[in-house]
Amino acid sequence: MISRKRLVEFWQEHPDAKGPLTSWFREVKHARWTSTADIKAAYRSADFVGNDRIVFNIGGNKYRLVVRYRPPIVYIRFIGTHSEYDRIDASQV
């Protein structure tokens, strides 16, 4: 997992995101995904947007987390509010 620091910086600005991001980080750190079906089974609302990018809804869809998944590494590419997410191209971050 690369890098928890971005999550910490985000929840310092958005304290209500700390619990959901901590849970997500812990779960993904220990996950042993072998296919996109494994990811969908664990995160039904996860969206696959191209270029190895996956979008996760965090905190009841208040926040969006975009990662680049290159097995077995998860690169955190973006974390932001829903409105910040609407201004990016998730497949390119």
PDB file of N, CA and C in Angstrom:
ATOM      1  N   MET A   1       0.848  -1.181   0.000  1.00  0.00           N
ATOM      2  CA  MET A   1       0.000   0.000   0.000  1.00  0.00           C
ATOM      3  C   MET A   1       0.885   1.232   0.000  1.00  0.00           C
ATOM      4  N   ILE A   2       0.616   2.122  -0.915  1.00  0.00           N
ATOM      5  CA  ILE A   2       1.375   3.358  -1.019  1.00  0.00           C
ATOM      6  C   ILE A   2       0.363   4.495  -1.126  1.00  0.00           C
ATOM      7  N   SER A   3       0.303   5.447  -0.362  1.00  0.00           N
ATOM      8  CA  SER A   3       0.937   5.747   0.883  1.00  0.00           C
ATOM      9  C   SER A   3      -0.127   6.194   1.871  1.00  0.00           C
ATOM     10  N   ARG A   4      -0.031   5.735   3.077  1.00  0.00           N
ATOM     11  CA  ARG A   4      -0.990   6.084   4.123  1.00  0.00           C
ATOM     12  C   ARG A   4      -0.906   7.574   4.470  1.00  0.00           C
ATOM     13  N   LYS A   5       0.238   8.167   4.254  1.00  0.00           N
ATOM     14  CA  LYS A   5       0.451   9.584   4.577  1.00  0.00           C
ATOM     15  C   LYS A   5      -0.611  10.470   3.922  1.00  0.00           C
ATOM     16  N   ARG A   6      -0.957  10.190   2.679  1.00  0.00           N
ATOM     17  CA  ARG A   6      -1.979  11.006   2.000  1.00  0.00           C
ATOM     18  C   ARG A   6      -3.326  10.893   2.699  1.00  0.00           C
ATOM     19  N   LEU A   7      -3.638   9.706   3.201  1.00  0.00           N
ATOM     20  CA  LEU A   7      -4.895   9.526   3.924  1.00  0.00           C
ATOM     21  C   LEU A   7      -4.880  10.313   5.235  1.00  0.00           C
ATOM     22  N   VAL A   8      -3.774  10.242   5.946  1.00  0.00           N
ATOM     23  CA  VAL A   8      -3.644  10.969   7.214  1.00  0.00           C
ATOM     24  C   VAL A   8      -3.786  12.466   6.984  1.00  0.00           C
ATOM     25  N   GLU A   9      -3.109  12.979   5.978  1.00  0.00           N
ATOM     26  CA  GLU A   9      -3.214  14.409   5.674  1.00  0.00           C
ATOM     27  C   GLU A   9      -4.650  14.789   5.363  1.00  0.00           C
ATOM     28  N   PHE A  10      -5.357  13.923   4.659  1.00  0.00           N
ATOM     29  CA  PHE A  10      -6.740  14.224   4.308  1.00  0.00           C
ATOM     30  C   PHE A  10      -7.628  14.237   5.541  1.00  0.00           C
ATOM     31  N   TRP A  11      -7.497  13.221   6.405  1.00  0.00           N
ATOM     32  CA  TRP A  11      -8.402  13.195   7.550  1.00  0.00           C
ATOM     33  C   TRP A  11      -8.052  14.247   8.594  1.00  0.00           C
ATOM     34  N   GLN A  12      -6.866  14.812   8.529  1.00  0.00           N
ATOM     35  CA  GLN A  12      -6.565  15.939   9.409  1.00  0.00           C
ATOM     36  C   GLN A  12      -7.405  17.152   9.016  1.00  0.00           C
ATOM     37  N   GLU A  13      -7.720  17.279   7.737  1.00  0.00           N
ATOM     38  CA  GLU A  13      -8.590  18.358   7.267  1.00  0.00           C
ATOM     39  C   GLU A  13     -10.064  17.984   7.353  1.00  0.00           C
ATOM     40  N   HIS A  14     -10.346  16.681   7.289  1.00  0.00           N
ATOM     41  CA  HIS A  14     -11.721  16.169   7.310  1.00  0.00           C
ATOM     42  C   HIS A  14     -11.800  15.068   8.368  1.00  0.00           C
ATOM     43  N   PRO A  15     -11.898  15.457   9.661  1.00  0.00           N
ATOM     44  CA  PRO A  15     -11.827  14.466  10.743  1.00  0.00           C
ATOM     45  C   PRO A  15     -12.877  13.352  10.656  1.00  0.00           C
ATOM     46  N   ASP A  16     -14.020  13.625  10.064  1.00  0.00           N
ATOM     47  CA  ASP A  16     -15.039  12.581   9.957  1.00  0.00           C
ATOM     48  C   ASP A  16     -14.635  11.466   8.989  1.00  0.00           C
ATOM     49  N   ALA A  17     -13.599  11.696   8.208  1.00  0.00           N
ATOM     50  CA  ALA A  17     -13.124  10.675   7.268  1.00  0.00           C
ATOM     51  C   ALA A  17     -12.139   9.706   7.913  1.00  0.00           C
ATOM     52  N   LYS A  18     -11.657  10.009   9.101  1.00  0.00           N
ATOM     53  CA  LYS A  18     -10.620   9.175   9.718  1.00  0.00           C
ATOM     54  C   LYS A  18     -11.084   7.731   9.922  1.00  0.00           C
ATOM     55  N   GLY A  19     -12.249   7.530  10.513  1.00  0.00           N
ATOM     56  CA  GLY A  19     -12.737   6.175  10.770  1.00  0.00           C
ATOM     57  C   GLY A  19     -12.897   5.364   9.490  1.00  0.00           C
ATOM     58  N   PRO A  20     -13.638   5.886   8.506  1.00  0.00           N
ATOM     59  CA  PRO A  20     -13.799   5.125   7.265  1.00  0.00           C
ATOM     60  C   PRO A  20     -12.484   4.880   6.518  1.00  0.00           C
ATOM     61  N   LEU A  21     -11.592   5.858   6.494  1.00  0.00           N
ATOM     62  CA  LEU A  21     -10.317   5.671   5.796  1.00  0.00           C
ATOM     63  C   LEU A  21      -9.411   4.680   6.526  1.00  0.00           C
ATOM     64  N   THR A  22      -9.421   4.733   7.853  1.00  0.00           N
ATOM     65  CA  THR A  22      -8.635   3.781   8.634  1.00  0.00           C
ATOM     66  C   THR A  22      -9.120   2.363   8.384  1.00  0.00           C
ATOM     67  N   SER A  23     -10.440   2.181   8.384  1.00  0.00           N
ATOM     68  CA  SER A  23     -11.009   0.853   8.112  1.00  0.00           C
ATOM     69  C   SER A  23     -10.656   0.383   6.713  1.00  0.00           C
ATOM     70  N   TRP A  24     -10.823   1.270   5.736  1.00  0.00           N
ATOM     71  CA  TRP A  24     -10.505   0.915   4.353  1.00  0.00           C
ATOM     72  C   TRP A  24      -9.031   0.506   4.238  1.00  0.00           C
ATOM     73  N   PHE A  25      -8.148   1.304   4.816  1.00  0.00           N
ATOM     74  CA  PHE A  25      -6.716   1.028   4.731  1.00  0.00           C
ATOM     75  C   PHE A  25      -6.388  -0.337   5.337  1.00  0.00           C
ATOM     76  N   ARG A  26      -6.933  -0.601   6.513  1.00  0.00           N
ATOM     77  CA  ARG A  26      -6.667  -1.866   7.194  1.00  0.00           C
ATOM     78  C   ARG A  26      -7.159  -3.049   6.359  1.00  0.00           C
ATOM     79  N   GLU A  27      -8.363  -2.933   5.819  1.00  0.00           N
ATOM     80  CA  GLU A  27      -8.935  -4.017   5.017  1.00  0.00           C
ATOM     81  C   GLU A  27      -8.117  -4.270   3.746  1.00  0.00           C
ATOM     82  N   VAL A  28      -7.769  -3.206   3.060  1.00  0.00           N
ATOM     83  CA  VAL A  28      -7.051  -3.354   1.800  1.00  0.00           C
ATOM     84  C   VAL A  28      -5.622  -3.844   2.039  1.00  0.00           C
ATOM     85  N   LYS A  29      -5.018  -3.409   3.117  1.00  0.00           N
ATOM     86  CA  LYS A  29      -3.658  -3.847   3.437  1.00  0.00           C
ATOM     87  C   LYS A  29      -3.593  -5.370   3.594  1.00  0.00           C
ATOM     88  N   HIS A  30      -4.643  -5.961   4.118  1.00  0.00           N
ATOM     89  CA  HIS A  30      -4.649  -7.407   4.359  1.00  0.00           C
ATOM     90  C   HIS A  30      -5.372  -8.197   3.260  1.00  0.00           C
ATOM     91  N   ALA A  31      -5.915  -7.503   2.286  1.00  0.00           N
ATOM     92  CA  ALA A  31      -6.657  -8.178   1.213  1.00  0.00           C
ATOM     93  C   ALA A  31      -5.697  -8.961   0.319  1.00  0.00           C
ATOM     94  N   ARG A  32      -6.211 -10.038  -0.207  1.00  0.00           N
ATOM     95  CA  ARG A  32      -5.458 -10.857  -1.164  1.00  0.00           C
ATOM     96  C   ARG A  32      -6.310 -11.022  -2.408  1.00  0.00           C
ATOM     97  N   TRP A  33      -6.471  -9.916  -3.127  1.00  0.00           N
ATOM     98  CA  TRP A  33      -7.292  -9.934  -4.326  1.00  0.00           C
ATOM     99  C   TRP A  33      -6.586 -10.687  -5.440  1.00  0.00           C
ATOM    100  N   THR A  34      -7.348 -11.505  -6.145  1.00  0.00           N
ATOM    101  CA  THR A  34      -6.785 -12.197  -7.300  1.00  0.00           C
ATOM    102  C   THR A  34      -7.487 -11.779  -8.580  1.00  0.00           C
ATOM    103  N   SER A  35      -8.581 -11.032  -8.441  1.00  0.00           N
ATOM    104  CA  SER A  35      -9.322 -10.580  -9.619  1.00  0.00           C
ATOM    105  C   SER A  35     -10.176  -9.373  -9.241  1.00  0.00           C
ATOM    106  N   THR A  36     -10.713  -8.711 -10.256  1.00  0.00           N
ATOM    107  CA  THR A  36     -11.619  -7.593  -9.988  1.00  0.00           C
ATOM    108  C   THR A  36     -12.880  -8.084  -9.287  1.00  0.00           C
ATOM    109  N   ALA A  37     -13.252  -9.334  -9.510  1.00  0.00           N
ATOM    110  CA  ALA A  37     -14.427  -9.890  -8.827  1.00  0.00           C
ATOM    111  C   ALA A  37     -14.204  -9.917  -7.315  1.00  0.00           C
ATOM    112  N   ASP A  38     -12.984 -10.168  -6.882  1.00  0.00           N
ATOM    113  CA  ASP A  38     -12.675 -10.149  -5.450  1.00  0.00           C
ATOM    114  C   ASP A  38     -12.873  -8.748  -4.875  1.00  0.00           C
ATOM    115  N   ILE A  39     -12.463  -7.757  -5.633  1.00  0.00           N
ATOM    116  CA  ILE A  39     -12.618  -6.371  -5.178  1.00  0.00           C
ATOM    117  C   ILE A  39     -14.098  -6.021  -5.097  1.00  0.00           C
ATOM    118  N   LYS A  40     -14.858  -6.371  -6.126  1.00  0.00           N
ATOM    119  CA  LYS A  40     -16.296  -6.092  -6.151  1.00  0.00           C
ATOM    120  C   LYS A  40     -17.022  -6.827  -5.027  1.00  0.00           C
ATOM    121  N   ALA A  41     -16.561  -8.020  -4.693  1.00  0.00           N
ATOM    122  CA  ALA A  41     -17.188  -8.766  -3.601  1.00  0.00           C
ATOM    123  C   ALA A  41     -16.994  -8.056  -2.261  1.00  0.00           C
ATOM    124  N   ALA A  42     -15.834  -7.442  -2.097  1.00  0.00           N
ATOM    125  CA  ALA A  42     -15.535  -6.740  -0.853  1.00  0.00           C
ATOM    126  C   ALA A  42     -16.115  -5.325  -0.834  1.00  0.00           C
ATOM    127  N   TYR A  43     -16.171  -4.689  -2.007  1.00  0.00           N
ATOM    128  CA  TYR A  43     -16.617  -3.292  -2.129  1.00  0.00           C
ATOM    129  C   TYR A  43     -17.591  -3.196  -3.293  1.00  0.00           C
ATOM    130  N   ARG A  44     -18.839  -3.436  -3.014  1.00  0.00           N
ATOM    131  CA  ARG A  44     -19.846  -3.481  -4.078  1.00  0.00           C
ATOM    132  C   ARG A  44     -19.978  -2.174  -4.840  1.00  0.00           C
ATOM    133  N   SER A  45     -19.684  -1.056  -4.185  1.00  0.00           N
ATOM    134  CA  SER A  45     -19.829   0.237  -4.861  1.00  0.00           C
ATOM    135  C   SER A  45     -18.554   0.678  -5.572  1.00  0.00           C
ATOM    136  N   ALA A  46     -17.505  -0.128  -5.530  1.00  0.00           N
ATOM    137  CA  ALA A  46     -16.260   0.231  -6.220  1.00  0.00           C
ATOM    138  C   ALA A  46     -16.510   0.324  -7.720  1.00  0.00           C
ATOM    139  N   ASP A  47     -15.917   1.336  -8.333  1.00  0.00           N
ATOM    140  CA  ASP A  47     -16.040   1.526  -9.778  1.00  0.00           C
ATOM    141  C   ASP A  47     -14.670   1.386 -10.421  1.00  0.00           C
ATOM    142  N   PHE A  48     -14.622   0.647 -11.510  1.00  0.00           N
ATOM    143  CA  PHE A  48     -13.403   0.473 -12.285  1.00  0.00           C
ATOM    144  C   PHE A  48     -13.483   1.439 -13.461  1.00  0.00           C
ATOM    145  N   VAL A  49     -12.556   2.411 -13.493  1.00  0.00           N
ATOM    146  CA  VAL A  49     -12.693   3.509 -14.447  1.00  0.00           C
ATOM    147  C   VAL A  49     -11.619   3.520 -15.535  1.00  0.00           C
ATOM    148  N   GLY A  50     -10.830   2.483 -15.644  1.00  0.00           N
ATOM    149  CA  GLY A  50      -9.808   2.420 -16.681  1.00  0.00           C
ATOM    150  C   GLY A  50      -8.438   2.767 -16.165  1.00  0.00           C
ATOM    151  N   ASN A  51      -7.418   2.375 -16.915  1.00  0.00           N
ATOM    152  CA  ASN A  51      -6.018   2.620 -16.554  1.00  0.00           C
ATOM    153  C   ASN A  51      -5.685   2.102 -15.157  1.00  0.00           C
ATOM    154  N   ASP A  52      -6.221   0.944 -14.825  1.00  0.00           N
ATOM    155  CA  ASP A  52      -5.981   0.298 -13.525  1.00  0.00           C
ATOM    156  C   ASP A  52      -6.509   1.114 -12.350  1.00  0.00           C
ATOM    157  N   ARG A  53      -7.426   2.033 -12.591  1.00  0.00           N
ATOM    158  CA  ARG A  53      -7.961   2.884 -11.520  1.00  0.00           C
ATOM    159  C   ARG A  53      -9.259   2.306 -10.967  1.00  0.00           C
ATOM    160  N   ILE A  54      -9.379   2.405  -9.651  1.00  0.00           N
ATOM    161  CA  ILE A  54     -10.593   1.986  -8.945  1.00  0.00           C
ATOM    162  C   ILE A  54     -11.022   3.149  -8.066  1.00  0.00           C
ATOM    163  N   VAL A  55     -12.305   3.442  -8.067  1.00  0.00           N
ATOM    164  CA  VAL A  55     -12.861   4.503  -7.243  1.00  0.00           C
ATOM    165  C   VAL A  55     -13.655   3.859  -6.119  1.00  0.00           C
ATOM    166  N   PHE A  56     -13.344   4.269  -4.886  1.00  0.00           N
ATOM    167  CA  PHE A  56     -14.049   3.795  -3.708  1.00  0.00           C
ATOM    168  C   PHE A  56     -14.836   4.949  -3.097  1.00  0.00           C
ATOM    169  N   ASN A  57     -16.051   4.673  -2.689  1.00  0.00           N
ATOM    170  CA  ASN A  57     -16.859   5.634  -1.953  1.00  0.00           C
ATOM    171  C   ASN A  57     -16.491   5.504  -0.482  1.00  0.00           C
ATOM    172  N   ILE A  58     -16.192   6.616   0.141  1.00  0.00           N
ATOM    173  CA  ILE A  58     -15.749   6.631   1.537  1.00  0.00           C
ATOM    174  C   ILE A  58     -16.700   7.500   2.351  1.00  0.00           C
ATOM    175  N   GLY A  59     -17.021   7.039   3.544  1.00  0.00           N
ATOM    176  CA  GLY A  59     -17.849   7.846   4.443  1.00  0.00           C
ATOM    177  C   GLY A  59     -19.245   8.067   3.917  1.00  0.00           C
ATOM    178  N   GLY A  60     -19.890   7.001   3.466  1.00  0.00           N
ATOM    179  CA  GLY A  60     -21.253   7.134   2.954  1.00  0.00           C
ATOM    180  C   GLY A  60     -21.320   7.934   1.669  1.00  0.00           C
ATOM    181  N   ASN A  61     -20.265   7.827   0.858  1.00  0.00           N
ATOM    182  CA  ASN A  61     -20.173   8.500  -0.436  1.00  0.00           C
ATOM    183  C   ASN A  61     -19.926  10.003  -0.308  1.00  0.00           C
ATOM    184  N   LYS A  62     -19.515  10.436   0.879  1.00  0.00           N
ATOM    185  CA  LYS A  62     -19.170  11.844   1.067  1.00  0.00           C
ATOM    186  C   LYS A  62     -17.810  12.149   0.435  1.00  0.00           C
ATOM    187  N   TYR A  63     -16.941  11.147   0.424  1.00  0.00           N
ATOM    188  CA  TYR A  63     -15.598  11.300  -0.116  1.00  0.00           C
ATOM    189  C   TYR A  63     -15.350  10.228  -1.177  1.00  0.00           C
ATOM    190  N   ARG A  64     -14.397  10.516  -2.044  1.00  0.00           N
ATOM    191  CA  ARG A  64     -14.008   9.561  -3.084  1.00  0.00           C
ATOM    192  C   ARG A  64     -12.512   9.323  -2.993  1.00  0.00           C
ATOM    193  N   LEU A  65     -12.158   8.069  -3.144  1.00  0.00           N
ATOM    194  CA  LEU A  65     -10.774   7.644  -3.112  1.00  0.00           C
ATOM    195  C   LEU A  65     -10.478   6.925  -4.421  1.00  0.00           C
ATOM    196  N   VAL A  66      -9.464   7.403  -5.131  1.00  0.00           N
ATOM    197  CA  VAL A  66      -9.071   6.785  -6.393  1.00  0.00           C
ATOM    198  C   VAL A  66      -7.706   6.136  -6.174  1.00  0.00           C
ATOM    199  N   VAL A  67      -7.617   4.864  -6.533  1.00  0.00           N
ATOM    200  CA  VAL A  67      -6.347   4.155  -6.425  1.00  0.00           C
ATOM    201  C   VAL A  67      -5.975   3.584  -7.783  1.00  0.00           C
ATOM    202  N   ARG A  68      -4.711   3.349  -7.933  1.00  0.00           N
ATOM    203  CA  ARG A  68      -4.219   2.602  -9.096  1.00  0.00           C
ATOM    204  C   ARG A  68      -3.816   1.241  -8.553  1.00  0.00           C
ATOM    205  N   TYR A  69      -4.415   0.214  -9.112  1.00  0.00           N
ATOM    206  CA  TYR A  69      -4.150  -1.131  -8.623  1.00  0.00           C
ATOM    207  C   TYR A  69      -3.314  -1.897  -9.624  1.00  0.00           C
ATOM    208  N   ARG A  70      -2.089  -2.148  -9.217  1.00  0.00           N
ATOM    209  CA  ARG A  70      -1.161  -2.974  -9.978  1.00  0.00           C
ATOM    210  C   ARG A  70      -0.779  -4.115  -9.054  1.00  0.00           C
ATOM    211  N   PRO A  71      -1.446  -5.254  -9.177  1.00  0.00           N
ATOM    212  CA  PRO A  71      -1.243  -6.336  -8.200  1.00  0.00           C
ATOM    213  C   PRO A  71       0.228  -6.594  -7.928  1.00  0.00           C
ATOM    214  N   PRO A  72       0.580  -6.682  -6.674  1.00  0.00           N
ATOM    215  CA  PRO A  72      -0.263  -6.599  -5.488  1.00  0.00           C
ATOM    216  C   PRO A  72      -0.276  -5.213  -4.843  1.00  0.00           C
ATOM    217  N   ILE A  73       0.157  -4.179  -5.553  1.00  0.00           N
ATOM    218  CA  ILE A  73       0.309  -2.854  -4.948  1.00  0.00           C
ATOM    219  C   ILE A  73      -0.884  -1.955  -5.253  1.00  0.00           C
ATOM    220  N   VAL A  74      -1.313  -1.230  -4.216  1.00  0.00           N
ATOM    221  CA  VAL A  74      -2.384  -0.245  -4.330  1.00  0.00           C
ATOM    222  C   VAL A  74      -1.752   1.129  -4.138  1.00  0.00           C
ATOM    223  N   TYR A  75      -1.788   1.946  -5.188  1.00  0.00           N
ATOM    224  CA  TYR A  75      -1.240   3.300  -5.140  1.00  0.00           C
ATOM    225  C   TYR A  75      -2.387   4.282  -4.942  1.00  0.00           C
ATOM    226  N   ILE A  76      -2.331   5.064  -3.899  1.00  0.00           N
ATOM    227  CA  ILE A  76      -3.359   6.072  -3.671  1.00  0.00           C
ATOM    228  C   ILE A  76      -3.076   7.243  -4.599  1.00  0.00           C
ATOM    229  N   ARG A  77      -4.031   7.545  -5.477  1.00  0.00           N
ATOM    230  CA  ARG A  77      -3.843   8.593  -6.481  1.00  0.00           C
ATOM    231  C   ARG A  77      -4.615   9.867  -6.152  1.00  0.00           C
ATOM    232  N   PHE A  78      -5.753   9.734  -5.436  1.00  0.00           N
ATOM    233  CA  PHE A  78      -6.586  10.897  -5.139  1.00  0.00           C
ATOM    234  C   PHE A  78      -7.484  10.567  -3.970  1.00  0.00           C
ATOM    235  N   ILE A  79      -7.651  11.530  -3.083  1.00  0.00           N
ATOM    236  CA  ILE A  79      -8.682  11.468  -2.042  1.00  0.00           C
ATOM    237  C   ILE A  79      -9.264  12.863  -1.956  1.00  0.00           C
ATOM    238  N   GLY A  80     -10.583  12.948  -2.004  1.00  0.00           N
ATOM    239  CA  GLY A  80     -11.205  14.263  -1.955  1.00  0.00           C
ATOM    240  C   GLY A  80     -12.690  14.182  -1.719  1.00  0.00           C
ATOM    241  N   THR A  81     -13.288  15.354  -1.634  1.00  0.00           N
ATOM    242  CA  THR A  81     -14.729  15.427  -1.478  1.00  0.00           C
ATOM    243  C   THR A  81     -15.385  15.038  -2.799  1.00  0.00           C
ATOM    244  N   HIS A  82     -16.662  14.825  -2.731  1.00  0.00           N
ATOM    245  CA  HIS A  82     -17.395  14.449  -3.939  1.00  0.00           C
ATOM    246  C   HIS A  82     -17.275  15.551  -4.996  1.00  0.00           C
ATOM    247  N   SER A  83     -17.363  16.812  -4.582  1.00  0.00           N
ATOM    248  CA  SER A  83     -17.271  17.911  -5.560  1.00  0.00           C
ATOM    249  C   SER A  83     -15.857  18.023  -6.133  1.00  0.00           C
ATOM    250  N   GLU A  84     -14.828  17.750  -5.338  1.00  0.00           N
ATOM    251  CA  GLU A  84     -13.454  17.756  -5.861  1.00  0.00           C
ATOM    252  C   GLU A  84     -13.276  16.622  -6.872  1.00  0.00           C
ATOM    253  N   TYR A  85     -13.859  15.483  -6.569  1.00  0.00           N
ATOM    254  CA  TYR A  85     -13.788  14.332  -7.475  1.00  0.00           C
ATOM    255  C   TYR A  85     -14.429  14.658  -8.821  1.00  0.00           C
ATOM    256  N   ASP A  86     -15.530  15.400  -8.789  1.00  0.00           N
ATOM    257  CA  ASP A  86     -16.229  15.742 -10.029  1.00  0.00           C
ATOM    258  C   ASP A  86     -15.371  16.593 -10.971  1.00  0.00           C
ATOM    259  N   ARG A  87     -14.303  17.191 -10.461  1.00  0.00           N
ATOM    260  CA  ARG A  87     -13.453  18.051 -11.281  1.00  0.00           C
ATOM    261  C   ARG A  87     -12.222  17.346 -11.845  1.00  0.00           C
ATOM    262  N   ILE A  88     -12.089  16.033 -11.578  1.00  0.00           N
ATOM    263  CA  ILE A  88     -10.927  15.308 -12.078  1.00  0.00           C
ATOM    264  C   ILE A  88     -11.358  14.233 -13.081  1.00  0.00           C
ATOM    265  N   ASP A  89     -10.403  13.717 -13.787  1.00  0.00           N
ATOM    266  CA  ASP A  89     -10.600  12.536 -14.622  1.00  0.00           C
ATOM    267  C   ASP A  89      -9.976  11.380 -13.858  1.00  0.00           C
ATOM    268  N   ALA A  90     -10.801  10.590 -13.206  1.00  0.00           N
ATOM    269  CA  ALA A  90     -10.318   9.518 -12.327  1.00  0.00           C
ATOM    270  C   ALA A  90      -9.434   8.520 -13.054  1.00  0.00           C
ATOM    271  N   SER A  91      -9.621   8.348 -14.339  1.00  0.00           N
ATOM    272  CA  SER A  91      -8.795   7.388 -15.072  1.00  0.00           C
ATOM    273  C   SER A  91      -7.398   7.930 -15.374  1.00  0.00           C
ATOM    274  N   GLN A  92      -7.182   9.216 -15.107  1.00  0.00           N
ATOM    275  CA  GLN A  92      -5.899   9.833 -15.439  1.00  0.00           C
ATOM    276  C   GLN A  92      -5.090  10.320 -14.232  1.00  0.00           C
ATOM    277  N   VAL A  93      -5.686  10.376 -13.055  1.00  0.00           N
ATOM    278  CA  VAL A  93      -4.929  10.868 -11.893  1.00  0.00           C
ATOM    279  C   VAL A  93      -3.887   9.861 -11.471  1.00  0.00           C
TER     280      VAL A  93
END
